[in-house]
């Protein structure tokens, strides 16, 4: 089988974009050249690698295996390039990080300080719900992943780097907004607004309330912290939100943090990667930077 490294990069671009024209732009060739290259790859393998349905490329099972192989080779090559830059006293290359949506309130700022220190590093940041991050983790698409609830079905390198307290919040006009040290049982007749099932915040909250034998009356399930915060401000119910999702002091003044005895829920932020994955030099540097910067957020 005779496939060049350049062709593997082309196929990987196709797998990641689902478009021949977009893949061509990514590897800086014309679309006819890309089409010819993809045909040569398919001919070399000898079995169909993809099909086009409604102008969208879908990989076959063998195509997915080739993409997985191409990604592993590309990752190893990028790591080698970074090692070479390190020997030369340079810090160059690319860092790919995927984070759950709640982490967007602090990770970009930490990335900002990292980029200021290492301006020649290119950053790719994916912000997704937990299921999306877990899927990328399963496919080993990034260097590092940040979440509050790492999946149990994967063998991972898992490091806790920062607390993630989950607060009970309500509108400023709520009857319990000024009440202190009250028991959660007093909220049995209240309406609750939660994140969607499957989110890290929701999983931690459900487990905590189950231990307390408290069954909340859920009025709404919403897919974003911003939507939940606005619903709380509007008086639609009580919610459980990460401290980081409340933003700065001015944002926190829009809601009341309830002084319930059973809150906050003690949770943590984790930085994870597949077990046995060799981190690139840049990923290793960023992981250390992340832990150092986290101390300023505690």
Protein backbone atom coordinates (compact mmCIF):
# COMPACT_ATOMS: atom_id res chain seq x y z
CA UNK A 1 0.00 0.00 0.00
CA UNK A 2 1.60 3.26 -1.12
CA UNK A 3 0.07 6.30 0.61
CA UNK A 4 2.05 9.44 1.30
CA UNK A 5 2.00 11.48 4.50
CA UNK A 6 0.52 14.38 2.54
CA UNK A 7 -2.31 12.16 1.35
CA UNK A 8 -2.97 11.01 4.92
CA UNK A 9 -3.28 14.64 5.98
CA UNK A 10 -5.74 15.22 3.14
CA UNK A 11 -7.86 12.25 4.20
CA UNK A 12 -7.78 13.37 7.83
CA UNK A 13 -8.97 16.83 6.75
CA UNK A 14 -11.82 15.15 4.84
CA UNK A 15 -12.76 13.10 7.92
CA UNK A 16 -12.80 16.19 10.15
CA UNK A 17 -14.74 18.47 7.79
CA UNK A 18 -16.95 16.13 5.78
CA UNK A 19 -16.26 18.23 2.69
CA UNK A 20 -13.81 17.73 -0.17
CA UNK A 21 -13.59 21.45 -0.92
CA UNK A 22 -12.99 22.38 2.73
CA UNK A 23 -10.40 19.61 3.07
CA UNK A 24 -8.66 20.94 -0.05
CA UNK A 25 -8.43 24.42 1.50
CA UNK A 26 -7.07 22.99 4.74
CA UNK A 27 -4.15 21.30 2.99
CA UNK A 28 -3.71 24.16 0.47
CA UNK A 29 -4.55 22.34 -2.78
CA UNK A 30 -7.25 22.82 -5.40
CA UNK A 31 -10.44 20.79 -5.21
CA UNK A 32 -9.61 18.76 -8.37
CA UNK A 33 -6.22 17.92 -6.86
CA UNK A 34 -7.88 16.89 -3.61
CA UNK A 35 -10.41 14.72 -5.45
CA UNK A 36 -7.61 13.03 -7.37
CA UNK A 37 -5.63 12.46 -4.18
CA UNK A 38 -8.64 10.92 -2.41
CA UNK A 39 -9.22 8.60 -5.38
CA UNK A 40 -5.58 7.51 -5.23
CA UNK A 41 -5.92 6.77 -1.51
CA UNK A 42 -9.06 4.69 -2.11
CA UNK A 43 -7.40 2.81 -4.97
CA UNK A 44 -4.34 2.10 -2.80
CA UNK A 45 -6.45 0.71 0.06
CA UNK A 46 -8.67 -1.21 -2.33
CA UNK A 47 -11.99 -0.81 -0.49
CA UNK A 48 -14.46 2.11 -0.26
CA UNK A 49 -13.42 4.64 2.36
CA UNK A 50 -16.29 7.12 2.11
CA UNK A 51 -19.51 7.90 0.32
CA UNK A 52 -21.24 11.18 -0.49
CA UNK A 53 -24.87 11.51 0.58
CA UNK A 54 -26.68 14.83 0.04
CA UNK A 55 -23.32 16.54 -0.59
CA UNK A 56 -22.00 15.36 2.78
CA UNK A 57 -19.11 12.93 3.09
CA UNK A 58 -19.69 9.91 5.32
CA UNK A 59 -16.80 7.60 6.16
CA UNK A 60 -17.19 3.85 5.89
CA UNK A 61 -15.98 1.62 8.73
CA UNK A 62 -12.63 1.23 6.98
CA UNK A 63 -12.51 4.97 6.33
CA UNK A 64 -12.95 5.59 10.05
CA UNK A 65 -10.07 3.24 10.78
CA UNK A 66 -7.88 5.05 8.26
CA UNK A 67 -8.80 8.41 9.79
CA UNK A 68 -7.89 7.06 13.24
CA UNK A 69 -4.52 5.88 11.92
CA UNK A 70 -3.89 9.16 10.10
CA UNK A 71 -4.73 11.11 13.26
CA UNK A 72 -2.31 9.05 15.34
CA UNK A 73 0.48 9.54 12.80
CA UNK A 74 -0.21 13.27 12.56
CA UNK A 75 -0.21 13.62 16.36
CA UNK A 76 3.11 11.79 16.64
CA UNK A 77 4.62 13.97 13.93
CA UNK A 78 3.45 17.18 15.61
CA UNK A 79 4.94 15.94 18.87
CA UNK A 80 8.24 15.27 17.11
CA UNK A 81 8.22 18.76 15.60
CA UNK A 82 7.65 20.24 19.06
CA UNK A 83 10.55 18.19 20.44
CA UNK A 84 12.78 19.60 17.71
CA UNK A 85 11.65 23.15 18.48
CA UNK A 86 12.39 22.48 22.14
CA UNK A 87 15.93 21.38 21.36
CA UNK A 88 16.37 24.59 19.38
CA UNK A 89 15.10 26.62 22.33
CA UNK A 90 11.83 27.49 20.57
CA UNK A 91 8.22 26.92 21.65
CA UNK A 92 6.06 26.48 18.56
CA UNK A 93 3.23 24.25 17.50
CA UNK A 94 -0.45 23.69 18.16
CA UNK A 95 -2.46 22.94 21.30
CA UNK A 96 -5.93 21.39 21.04
CA UNK A 97 -8.19 21.57 24.09
CA UNK A 98 -11.83 20.53 24.49
CA UNK A 99 -13.87 21.78 27.46
CA UNK A 100 -17.42 21.46 28.73
CA UNK A 101 -19.55 24.58 28.39
CA UNK A 102 -19.29 25.71 32.03
CA UNK A 103 -15.48 25.79 31.75
CA UNK A 104 -15.76 28.53 29.12
CA UNK A 105 -16.07 31.02 31.98
CA UNK A 106 -12.44 30.59 33.01
CA UNK A 107 -10.46 28.49 30.49
CA UNK A 108 -10.23 31.22 27.79
CA UNK A 109 -8.69 33.60 30.34
CA UNK A 110 -6.10 31.00 31.33
CA UNK A 111 -5.43 30.36 27.64
CA UNK A 112 -4.92 34.10 27.26
CA UNK A 113 -2.16 34.15 29.85
CA UNK A 114 -0.63 31.07 28.21
CA UNK A 115 -0.65 32.71 24.76
CA UNK A 116 0.91 35.85 26.20
CA UNK A 117 3.75 33.72 27.53
CA UNK A 118 4.06 31.57 24.39
CA UNK A 119 2.84 33.74 21.47
CA UNK A 120 4.02 31.34 18.76
CA UNK A 121 1.67 28.54 19.87
CA UNK A 122 -1.61 28.15 17.95
CA UNK A 123 -4.63 27.28 20.11
CA UNK A 124 -7.69 25.26 19.12
CA UNK A 125 -10.46 25.40 21.75
CA UNK A 126 -13.65 23.33 21.46
CA UNK A 127 -16.49 24.28 23.83
CA UNK A 128 -19.20 21.60 23.91
CA UNK A 129 -21.67 19.93 26.24
CA UNK A 130 -20.35 16.98 28.22
CA UNK A 131 -21.49 14.38 25.67
CA UNK A 132 -19.63 16.26 22.93
CA UNK A 133 -16.42 16.41 24.95
CA UNK A 134 -16.67 12.72 25.86
CA UNK A 135 -17.10 11.84 22.17
CA UNK A 136 -13.96 13.79 21.27
CA UNK A 137 -12.16 12.09 24.16
CA UNK A 138 -13.23 8.67 22.88
CA UNK A 139 -11.85 9.55 19.45
CA UNK A 140 -8.66 11.12 20.88
CA UNK A 141 -9.15 14.32 18.88
CA UNK A 142 -7.47 16.74 21.29
CA UNK A 143 -4.46 17.05 23.57
CA UNK A 144 -6.37 17.70 26.79
CA UNK A 145 -9.97 17.75 28.03
CA UNK A 146 -11.48 19.76 30.90
CA UNK A 147 -14.68 18.66 32.62
CA UNK A 148 -16.24 18.18 36.04
CA UNK A 149 -17.48 14.62 35.54
CA UNK A 150 -14.96 12.42 33.65
CA UNK A 151 -16.56 9.35 32.07
CA UNK A 152 -16.20 6.11 34.01
CA UNK A 153 -16.15 3.84 30.95
CA UNK A 154 -12.80 5.15 29.69
CA UNK A 155 -9.30 4.49 31.04
CA UNK A 156 -7.97 7.98 31.72
CA UNK A 157 -5.18 10.07 33.12
CA UNK A 158 -7.21 12.23 35.49
CA UNK A 159 -5.93 15.18 37.51
CA UNK A 160 -8.07 17.38 39.75
CA UNK A 161 -6.80 20.94 39.44
CA UNK A 162 -9.49 23.24 40.85
CA UNK A 163 -12.67 23.11 42.99
CA UNK A 164 -16.01 23.63 41.26
CA UNK A 165 -18.58 24.50 43.97
CA UNK A 166 -22.19 24.21 42.83
CA UNK A 167 -24.44 26.88 44.36
CA UNK A 168 -28.16 26.99 45.00
CA UNK A 169 -29.50 30.22 43.48
CA UNK A 170 -32.83 32.03 43.22
CA UNK A 171 -34.14 35.44 42.26
CA UNK A 172 -33.40 38.40 44.50
CA UNK A 173 -37.10 38.53 45.42
CA UNK A 174 -37.37 34.90 46.47
CA UNK A 175 -38.80 34.31 49.94
CA UNK A 176 -35.64 32.46 51.00
CA UNK A 177 -33.15 34.97 49.57
CA UNK A 178 -32.43 36.43 53.04
CA UNK A 179 -33.00 33.27 55.06
CA UNK A 180 -29.90 31.62 56.56
CA UNK A 181 -28.96 28.06 57.42
CA UNK A 182 -32.27 26.52 56.38
CA UNK A 183 -32.87 22.86 55.58
CA UNK A 184 -33.48 21.78 51.99
CA UNK A 185 -36.71 20.10 53.05
CA UNK A 186 -38.27 23.59 53.16
CA UNK A 187 -37.93 23.74 49.36
CA UNK A 188 -40.17 20.77 48.61
CA UNK A 189 -42.90 23.00 47.15
CA UNK A 190 -40.50 25.07 45.04
CA UNK A 191 -39.98 24.78 41.29
CA UNK A 192 -36.47 23.95 40.06
CA UNK A 193 -34.62 24.74 36.84
CA UNK A 194 -31.86 22.28 35.94
CA UNK A 195 -29.29 21.70 33.24
CA UNK A 196 -30.10 19.00 30.72
CA UNK A 197 -29.62 15.35 31.70
CA UNK A 198 -26.08 14.23 30.91
CA UNK A 199 -24.38 17.51 31.81
CA UNK A 200 -21.74 17.36 34.54
CA UNK A 201 -23.61 19.84 36.73
CA UNK A 202 -26.82 17.83 36.42
CA UNK A 203 -25.13 14.52 37.19
CA UNK A 204 -23.50 15.93 40.33
CA UNK A 205 -26.73 17.63 41.42
CA UNK A 206 -28.87 14.53 40.91
CA UNK A 207 -26.43 12.38 42.89
CA UNK A 208 -26.33 14.94 45.73
CA UNK A 209 -30.13 15.27 45.97
CA UNK A 210 -30.53 11.50 45.82
CA UNK A 211 -28.22 11.14 48.83
CA UNK A 212 -30.37 13.72 50.64
CA UNK A 213 -33.53 11.82 49.61
CA UNK A 214 -34.87 15.08 48.21
CA UNK A 215 -36.97 14.90 45.05
CA UNK A 216 -37.11 18.31 43.31
CA UNK A 217 -40.10 19.51 41.32
CA UNK A 218 -38.37 20.26 37.99
CA UNK A 219 -40.14 22.95 35.98
CA UNK A 220 -37.52 23.42 33.24
CA UNK A 221 -34.46 21.68 31.82
CA UNK A 222 -32.25 24.03 29.84
CA UNK A 223 -29.07 23.49 27.86
CA UNK A 224 -27.13 26.59 28.86
CA UNK A 225 -26.12 28.30 32.08
CA UNK A 226 -27.07 31.70 30.65
CA UNK A 227 -30.62 30.56 29.94
CA UNK A 228 -30.94 29.12 33.44
CA UNK A 229 -29.63 32.32 35.02
CA UNK A 230 -32.13 34.42 33.11
CA UNK A 231 -34.96 32.07 34.07
CA UNK A 232 -33.92 32.36 37.73
CA UNK A 233 -33.77 36.17 37.51
CA UNK A 234 -37.25 36.05 35.98
CA UNK A 235 -38.55 34.17 39.01
CA UNK A 236 -39.26 30.88 37.24
CA UNK A 237 -37.56 28.78 39.88
CA UNK A 238 -34.50 27.77 41.87
CA UNK A 239 -31.38 26.44 40.15
CA UNK A 240 -28.04 24.81 40.87
CA UNK A 241 -25.16 26.49 39.03
CA UNK A 242 -21.40 26.40 39.13
CA UNK A 243 -19.88 29.38 40.91
CA UNK A 244 -17.94 30.12 37.71
CA UNK A 245 -21.09 30.38 35.61
CA UNK A 246 -22.23 33.33 37.71
CA UNK A 247 -19.46 35.48 36.26
CA UNK A 248 -18.04 38.53 37.99
CA UNK A 249 -19.44 40.41 41.00
CA UNK A 250 -21.94 42.43 38.94
CA UNK A 251 -23.43 39.24 37.48
CA UNK A 252 -23.61 37.59 40.90
CA UNK A 253 -25.60 40.54 42.21
CA UNK A 254 -28.43 39.64 39.81
CA UNK A 255 -29.27 36.45 41.71
CA UNK A 256 -29.40 35.41 45.35
CA UNK A 257 -27.14 32.59 46.55
CA UNK A 258 -29.32 30.68 48.99
CA UNK A 259 -27.86 29.82 52.40
CA UNK A 260 -29.12 26.26 52.46
CA UNK A 261 -27.34 23.89 54.90
CA UNK A 262 -26.81 21.23 52.23
CA UNK A 263 -25.07 23.59 49.78
CA UNK A 264 -22.77 24.29 48.07
CA UNK A 265 -22.16 20.89 46.51
CA UNK A 266 -18.43 20.18 46.52
CA UNK A 267 -17.33 19.31 42.99
CA UNK A 268 -14.02 19.61 41.13
CA UNK A 269 -12.59 20.46 37.73
CA UNK A 270 -10.58 17.69 36.10
CA UNK A 271 -8.04 17.77 33.30
CA UNK A 272 -8.01 14.41 31.54
CA UNK A 273 -6.46 12.57 28.62
CA UNK A 274 -6.56 8.95 27.45
CA UNK A 275 -4.50 6.58 29.62
CA UNK A 276 -1.09 5.98 28.07
CA UNK A 277 -1.35 8.94 25.68
CA UNK A 278 2.01 10.64 25.26
CA UNK A 279 1.37 14.33 25.74
CA UNK A 280 3.12 16.70 23.40
CA UNK A 281 5.67 19.07 24.97
CA UNK A 282 3.24 21.96 24.53
CA UNK A 283 0.37 20.02 26.16
CA UNK A 284 2.65 19.20 29.08
CA UNK A 285 3.60 22.87 29.48
CA UNK A 286 -0.05 23.96 29.30
CA UNK A 287 -1.14 21.35 31.84
CA UNK A 288 1.40 22.76 34.31
CA UNK A 289 0.33 26.34 33.45
CA UNK A 290 -3.32 25.43 34.01
CA UNK A 291 -2.61 24.10 37.49
CA UNK A 292 -0.55 27.16 38.38
CA UNK A 293 -3.17 29.62 37.14
CA UNK A 294 -5.99 27.72 38.86
CA UNK A 295 -4.62 28.84 42.23
CA UNK A 296 -5.69 32.40 41.37
CA UNK A 297 -9.29 31.23 40.85
CA UNK A 298 -9.69 29.37 44.11
